[in-house]
Amino acid sequence: MPKMKTNSSAKKRFQLTGTGKIKRKHAYKSHILTKKEKDRKRGLTKTGLVSKQDTPNVKFMLGI
């Protein structure tokens, strides 16, 4: 049976933490920043975690 391939887009977007959770970045921080509040932009800079419901799908894409 052939090896399972890792999804390249997921490989670039997600990172596994030491406890097995999956880190992600927030969306909507790339452009059209003039109309967004300062606090909102600061919050979008920080990393978040993938929700519990989406974790199995992301792990499958990463080949974990």
PDB file of N, CA and C in Angstrom:
ATOM      1  N   MET A   1       0.851  -1.187   0.000  1.00  0.00           N
ATOM      2  CA  MET A   1       0.000   0.000   0.000  1.00  0.00           C
ATOM      3  C   MET A   1       0.890   1.243   0.000  1.00  0.00           C
ATOM      4  N   PRO A   2       0.535   2.289  -0.770  1.00  0.00           N
ATOM      5  CA  PRO A   2       1.389   3.476  -0.824  1.00  0.00           C
ATOM      6  C   PRO A   2       1.337   4.281   0.464  1.00  0.00           C
ATOM      7  N   LYS A   3       2.354   5.102   0.655  1.00  0.00           N
ATOM      8  CA  LYS A   3       2.400   5.963   1.830  1.00  0.00           C
ATOM      9  C   LYS A   3       1.297   7.008   1.744  1.00  0.00           C
ATOM     10  N   MET A   4       0.808   7.422   2.915  1.00  0.00           N
ATOM     11  CA  MET A   4      -0.210   8.465   2.954  1.00  0.00           C
ATOM     12  C   MET A   4       0.470   9.822   2.813  1.00  0.00           C
ATOM     13  N   LYS A   5      -0.046  10.670   1.944  1.00  0.00           N
ATOM     14  CA  LYS A   5       0.558  11.978   1.725  1.00  0.00           C
ATOM     15  C   LYS A   5      -0.021  13.000   2.688  1.00  0.00           C
ATOM     16  N   THR A   6       0.834  13.907   3.154  1.00  0.00           N
ATOM     17  CA  THR A   6       0.404  15.018   3.988  1.00  0.00           C
ATOM     18  C   THR A   6      -0.178  16.094   3.088  1.00  0.00           C
ATOM     19  N   ASN A   7      -1.274  16.716   3.532  1.00  0.00           N
ATOM     20  CA  ASN A   7      -1.868  17.818   2.794  1.00  0.00           C
ATOM     21  C   ASN A   7      -0.946  19.037   2.921  1.00  0.00           C
ATOM     22  N   SER A   8      -0.422  19.530   1.794  1.00  0.00           N
ATOM     23  CA  SER A   8       0.579  20.601   1.818  1.00  0.00           C
ATOM     24  C   SER A   8       0.037  21.900   2.400  1.00  0.00           C
ATOM     25  N   SER A   9      -1.215  22.216   2.120  1.00  0.00           N
ATOM     26  CA  SER A   9      -1.776  23.461   2.645  1.00  0.00           C
ATOM     27  C   SER A   9      -1.928  23.374   4.166  1.00  0.00           C
ATOM     28  N   ALA A  10      -2.311  22.207   4.683  1.00  0.00           N
ATOM     29  CA  ALA A  10      -2.455  22.040   6.127  1.00  0.00           C
ATOM     30  C   ALA A  10      -1.090  22.078   6.808  1.00  0.00           C
ATOM     31  N   LYS A  11      -0.085  21.527   6.141  1.00  0.00           N
ATOM     32  CA  LYS A  11       1.275  21.500   6.686  1.00  0.00           C
ATOM     33  C   LYS A  11       1.783  22.919   6.931  1.00  0.00           C
ATOM     34  N   LYS A  12       1.389  23.853   6.047  1.00  0.00           N
ATOM     35  CA  LYS A  12       1.842  25.241   6.165  1.00  0.00           C
ATOM     36  C   LYS A  12       1.039  26.032   7.193  1.00  0.00           C
ATOM     37  N   ARG A  13      -0.181  25.601   7.492  1.00  0.00           N
ATOM     38  CA  ARG A  13      -1.079  26.407   8.313  1.00  0.00           C
ATOM     39  C   ARG A  13      -1.191  25.976   9.772  1.00  0.00           C
ATOM     40  N   PHE A  14      -0.900  24.722  10.069  1.00  0.00           N
ATOM     41  CA  PHE A  14      -1.114  24.201  11.417  1.00  0.00           C
ATOM     42  C   PHE A  14       0.177  23.687  12.018  1.00  0.00           C
ATOM     43  N   GLN A  15       0.229  23.719  13.363  1.00  0.00           N
ATOM     44  CA  GLN A  15       1.404  23.241  14.078  1.00  0.00           C
ATOM     45  C   GLN A  15       0.941  22.496  15.320  1.00  0.00           C
ATOM     46  N   LEU A  16       1.563  21.375  15.602  1.00  0.00           N
ATOM     47  CA  LEU A  16       1.191  20.559  16.750  1.00  0.00           C
ATOM     48  C   LEU A  16       1.886  21.078  18.001  1.00  0.00           C
ATOM     49  N   THR A  17       1.143  21.184  19.115  1.00  0.00           N
ATOM     50  CA  THR A  17       1.737  21.596  20.382  1.00  0.00           C
ATOM     51  C   THR A  17       2.252  20.365  21.123  1.00  0.00           C
ATOM     52  N   GLY A  18       2.918  20.590  22.218  1.00  0.00           N
ATOM     53  CA  GLY A  18       3.464  19.489  23.000  1.00  0.00           C
ATOM     54  C   GLY A  18       2.406  18.601  23.606  1.00  0.00           C
ATOM     55  N   THR A  19       1.226  19.162  23.890  1.00  0.00           N
ATOM     56  CA  THR A  19       0.151  18.388  24.510  1.00  0.00           C
ATOM     57  C   THR A  19      -0.759  17.723  23.491  1.00  0.00           C
ATOM     58  N   GLY A  20      -0.454  17.900  22.185  1.00  0.00           N
ATOM     59  CA  GLY A  20      -1.242  17.245  21.149  1.00  0.00           C
ATOM     60  C   GLY A  20      -2.340  18.105  20.552  1.00  0.00           C
ATOM     61  N   LYS A  21      -2.463  19.349  21.017  1.00  0.00           N
ATOM     62  CA  LYS A  21      -3.441  20.254  20.419  1.00  0.00           C
ATOM     63  C   LYS A  21      -2.845  20.846  19.150  1.00  0.00           C
ATOM     64  N   ILE A  22      -3.683  21.487  18.353  1.00  0.00           N
ATOM     65  CA  ILE A  22      -3.223  22.030  17.085  1.00  0.00           C
ATOM     66  C   ILE A  22      -3.365  23.548  17.092  1.00  0.00           C
ATOM     67  N   LYS A  23      -2.233  24.239  16.856  1.00  0.00           N
ATOM     68  CA  LYS A  23      -2.206  25.688  16.815  1.00  0.00           C
ATOM     69  C   LYS A  23      -2.564  26.177  15.427  1.00  0.00           C
ATOM     70  N   ARG A  24      -3.191  27.357  15.370  1.00  0.00           N
ATOM     71  CA  ARG A  24      -3.544  27.972  14.093  1.00  0.00           C
ATOM     72  C   ARG A  24      -3.431  29.483  14.236  1.00  0.00           C
ATOM     73  N   LYS A  25      -3.414  30.164  13.092  1.00  0.00           N
ATOM     74  CA  LYS A  25      -3.412  31.622  13.099  1.00  0.00           C
ATOM     75  C   LYS A  25      -4.817  32.111  12.788  1.00  0.00           C
ATOM     76  N   HIS A  26      -5.119  33.336  13.197  1.00  0.00           N
ATOM     77  CA  HIS A  26      -6.420  33.923  12.908  1.00  0.00           C
ATOM     78  C   HIS A  26      -6.471  34.464  11.485  1.00  0.00           C
ATOM     79  N   ALA A  27      -7.662  34.451  10.918  1.00  0.00           N
ATOM     80  CA  ALA A  27      -7.877  34.997   9.578  1.00  0.00           C
ATOM     81  C   ALA A  27      -8.162  36.499   9.685  1.00  0.00           C
ATOM     82  N   TYR A  28      -8.277  37.159   8.538  1.00  0.00           N
ATOM     83  CA  TYR A  28      -8.668  38.567   8.420  1.00  0.00           C
ATOM     84  C   TYR A  28      -7.622  39.538   8.954  1.00  0.00           C
ATOM     85  N   LYS A  29      -6.347  39.203   8.872  1.00  0.00           N
ATOM     86  CA  LYS A  29      -5.293  40.109   9.326  1.00  0.00           C
ATOM     87  C   LYS A  29      -4.381  40.522   8.174  1.00  0.00           C
ATOM     88  N   SER A  30      -4.734  40.188   6.922  1.00  0.00           N
ATOM     89  CA  SER A  30      -3.806  40.414   5.814  1.00  0.00           C
ATOM     90  C   SER A  30      -4.010  41.755   5.122  1.00  0.00           C
ATOM     91  N   HIS A  31      -5.245  42.199   4.936  1.00  0.00           N
ATOM     92  CA  HIS A  31      -5.464  43.471   4.224  1.00  0.00           C
ATOM     93  C   HIS A  31      -6.783  44.088   4.659  1.00  0.00           C
ATOM     94  N   ILE A  32      -7.063  45.285   4.167  1.00  0.00           N
ATOM     95  CA  ILE A  32      -8.212  46.109   4.576  1.00  0.00           C
ATOM     96  C   ILE A  32      -8.204  46.271   6.096  1.00  0.00           C
ATOM     97  N   LEU A  33      -7.108  46.796   6.613  1.00  0.00           N
ATOM     98  CA  LEU A  33      -6.948  46.927   8.058  1.00  0.00           C
ATOM     99  C   LEU A  33      -7.381  48.295   8.567  1.00  0.00           C
ATOM    100  N   THR A  34      -7.698  49.239   7.671  1.00  0.00           N
ATOM    101  CA  THR A  34      -8.021  50.593   8.118  1.00  0.00           C
ATOM    102  C   THR A  34      -9.349  50.648   8.850  1.00  0.00           C
ATOM    103  N   LYS A  35     -10.298  49.820   8.465  1.00  0.00           N
ATOM    104  CA  LYS A  35     -11.618  49.872   9.099  1.00  0.00           C
ATOM    105  C   LYS A  35     -11.716  49.006  10.353  1.00  0.00           C
ATOM    106  N   LYS A  36     -10.673  48.240  10.660  1.00  0.00           N
ATOM    107  CA  LYS A  36     -10.710  47.363  11.829  1.00  0.00           C
ATOM    108  C   LYS A  36     -10.120  48.085  13.034  1.00  0.00           C
ATOM    109  N   GLU A  37     -10.720  47.849  14.180  1.00  0.00           N
ATOM    110  CA  GLU A  37     -10.263  48.482  15.422  1.00  0.00           C
ATOM    111  C   GLU A  37      -8.891  47.951  15.828  1.00  0.00           C
ATOM    112  N   LYS A  38      -8.181  48.763  16.578  1.00  0.00           N
ATOM    113  CA  LYS A  38      -6.829  48.404  17.018  1.00  0.00           C
ATOM    114  C   LYS A  38      -6.843  47.136  17.877  1.00  0.00           C
ATOM    115  N   ASP A  39      -7.816  47.057  18.785  1.00  0.00           N
ATOM    116  CA  ASP A  39      -7.896  45.891  19.674  1.00  0.00           C
ATOM    117  C   ASP A  39      -8.195  44.613  18.891  1.00  0.00           C
ATOM    118  N   ARG A  40      -9.045  44.746  17.870  1.00  0.00           N
ATOM    119  CA  ARG A  40      -9.392  43.592  17.051  1.00  0.00           C
ATOM    120  C   ARG A  40      -8.168  43.084  16.284  1.00  0.00           C
ATOM    121  N   LYS A  41      -7.394  44.018  15.721  1.00  0.00           N
ATOM    122  CA  LYS A  41      -6.195  43.633  14.970  1.00  0.00           C
ATOM    123  C   LYS A  41      -5.170  42.987  15.891  1.00  0.00           C
ATOM    124  N   ARG A  42      -5.058  43.489  17.104  1.00  0.00           N
ATOM    125  CA  ARG A  42      -4.113  42.918  18.055  1.00  0.00           C
ATOM    126  C   ARG A  42      -4.522  41.498  18.417  1.00  0.00           C
ATOM    127  N   GLY A  43      -5.814  41.272  18.564  1.00  0.00           N
ATOM    128  CA  GLY A  43      -6.302  39.932  18.879  1.00  0.00           C
ATOM    129  C   GLY A  43      -6.088  38.949  17.740  1.00  0.00           C
ATOM    130  N   LEU A  44      -6.199  39.449  16.508  1.00  0.00           N
ATOM    131  CA  LEU A  44      -6.008  38.581  15.343  1.00  0.00           C
ATOM    132  C   LEU A  44      -4.554  38.182  15.165  1.00  0.00           C
ATOM    133  N   THR A  45      -3.627  38.946  15.764  1.00  0.00           N
ATOM    134  CA  THR A  45      -2.207  38.625  15.657  1.00  0.00           C
ATOM    135  C   THR A  45      -1.863  37.358  16.436  1.00  0.00           C
ATOM    136  N   LYS A  46      -2.554  37.142  17.549  1.00  0.00           N
ATOM    137  CA  LYS A  46      -2.242  36.008  18.425  1.00  0.00           C
ATOM    138  C   LYS A  46      -2.696  34.689  17.796  1.00  0.00           C
ATOM    139  N   THR A  47      -2.073  33.618  18.227  1.00  0.00           N
ATOM    140  CA  THR A  47      -2.449  32.301  17.724  1.00  0.00           C
ATOM    141  C   THR A  47      -3.636  31.758  18.512  1.00  0.00           C
ATOM    142  N   GLY A  48      -4.373  30.854  17.893  1.00  0.00           N
ATOM    143  CA  GLY A  48      -5.487  30.191  18.538  1.00  0.00           C
ATOM    144  C   GLY A  48      -5.324  28.692  18.422  1.00  0.00           C
ATOM    145  N   LEU A  49      -6.302  27.968  18.909  1.00  0.00           N
ATOM    146  CA  LEU A  49      -6.298  26.514  18.816  1.00  0.00           C
ATOM    147  C   LEU A  49      -7.445  26.068  17.924  1.00  0.00           C
ATOM    148  N   VAL A  50      -7.245  24.976  17.234  1.00  0.00           N
ATOM    149  CA  VAL A  50      -8.302  24.391  16.411  1.00  0.00           C
ATOM    150  C   VAL A  50      -9.353  23.816  17.345  1.00  0.00           C
ATOM    151  N   SER A  51     -10.633  24.001  17.015  1.00  0.00           N
ATOM    152  CA  SER A  51     -11.699  23.516  17.883  1.00  0.00           C
ATOM    153  C   SER A  51     -11.679  21.992  17.973  1.00  0.00           C
ATOM    154  N   LYS A  52     -12.287  21.485  19.021  1.00  0.00           N
ATOM    155  CA  LYS A  52     -12.292  20.043  19.271  1.00  0.00           C
ATOM    156  C   LYS A  52     -12.979  19.276  18.142  1.00  0.00           C
ATOM    157  N   GLN A  53     -14.021  19.889  17.534  1.00  0.00           N
ATOM    158  CA  GLN A  53     -14.752  19.238  16.457  1.00  0.00           C
ATOM    159  C   GLN A  53     -13.913  19.137  15.185  1.00  0.00           C
ATOM    160  N   ASP A  54     -13.052  20.120  14.924  1.00  0.00           N
ATOM    161  CA  ASP A  54     -12.256  20.138  13.699  1.00  0.00           C
ATOM    162  C   ASP A  54     -10.927  19.404  13.833  1.00  0.00           C
ATOM    163  N   THR A  55     -10.519  19.086  15.046  1.00  0.00           N
ATOM    164  CA  THR A  55      -9.222  18.467  15.280  1.00  0.00           C
ATOM    165  C   THR A  55      -9.030  17.150  14.520  1.00  0.00           C
ATOM    166  N   PRO A  56     -10.007  16.220  14.498  1.00  0.00           N
ATOM    167  CA  PRO A  56      -9.785  14.970  13.751  1.00  0.00           C
ATOM    168  C   PRO A  56      -9.517  15.189  12.267  1.00  0.00           C
ATOM    169  N   ASN A  57     -10.234  16.141  11.641  1.00  0.00           N
ATOM    170  CA  ASN A  57     -10.031  16.402  10.222  1.00  0.00           C
ATOM    171  C   ASN A  57      -8.644  16.981   9.962  1.00  0.00           C
ATOM    172  N   VAL A  58      -8.196  17.890  10.819  1.00  0.00           N
ATOM    173  CA  VAL A  58      -6.878  18.501  10.629  1.00  0.00           C
ATOM    174  C   VAL A  58      -5.784  17.460  10.850  1.00  0.00           C
ATOM    175  N   LYS A  59      -5.947  16.609  11.858  1.00  0.00           N
ATOM    176  CA  LYS A  59      -4.961  15.562  12.109  1.00  0.00           C
ATOM    177  C   LYS A  59      -4.884  14.592  10.938  1.00  0.00           C
ATOM    178  N   PHE A  60      -6.002  14.307  10.312  1.00  0.00           N
ATOM    179  CA  PHE A  60      -6.020  13.441   9.136  1.00  0.00           C
ATOM    180  C   PHE A  60      -5.239  14.092   7.994  1.00  0.00           C
ATOM    181  N   MET A  61      -5.441  15.410   7.792  1.00  0.00           N
ATOM    182  CA  MET A  61      -4.741  16.120   6.727  1.00  0.00           C
ATOM    183  C   MET A  61      -3.225  16.167   6.990  1.00  0.00           C
ATOM    184  N   LEU A  62      -2.846  16.226   8.287  1.00  0.00           N
ATOM    185  CA  LEU A  62      -1.434  16.265   8.634  1.00  0.00           C
ATOM    186  C   LEU A  62      -0.807  14.871   8.668  1.00  0.00           C
ATOM    187  N   GLY A  63      -1.630  13.851   8.569  1.00  0.00           N
ATOM    188  CA  GLY A  63      -1.118  12.485   8.592  1.00  0.00           C
ATOM    189  C   GLY A  63      -0.740  12.001   9.968  1.00  0.00           C
ATOM    190  N   ILE A  64      -1.417  12.516  10.986  1.00  0.00           N
ATOM    191  CA  ILE A  64      -1.114  12.140  12.378  1.00  0.00           C
ATOM    192  C   ILE A  64      -2.072  11.032  12.807  1.00  0.00           C
TER     193      ILE A  64
END
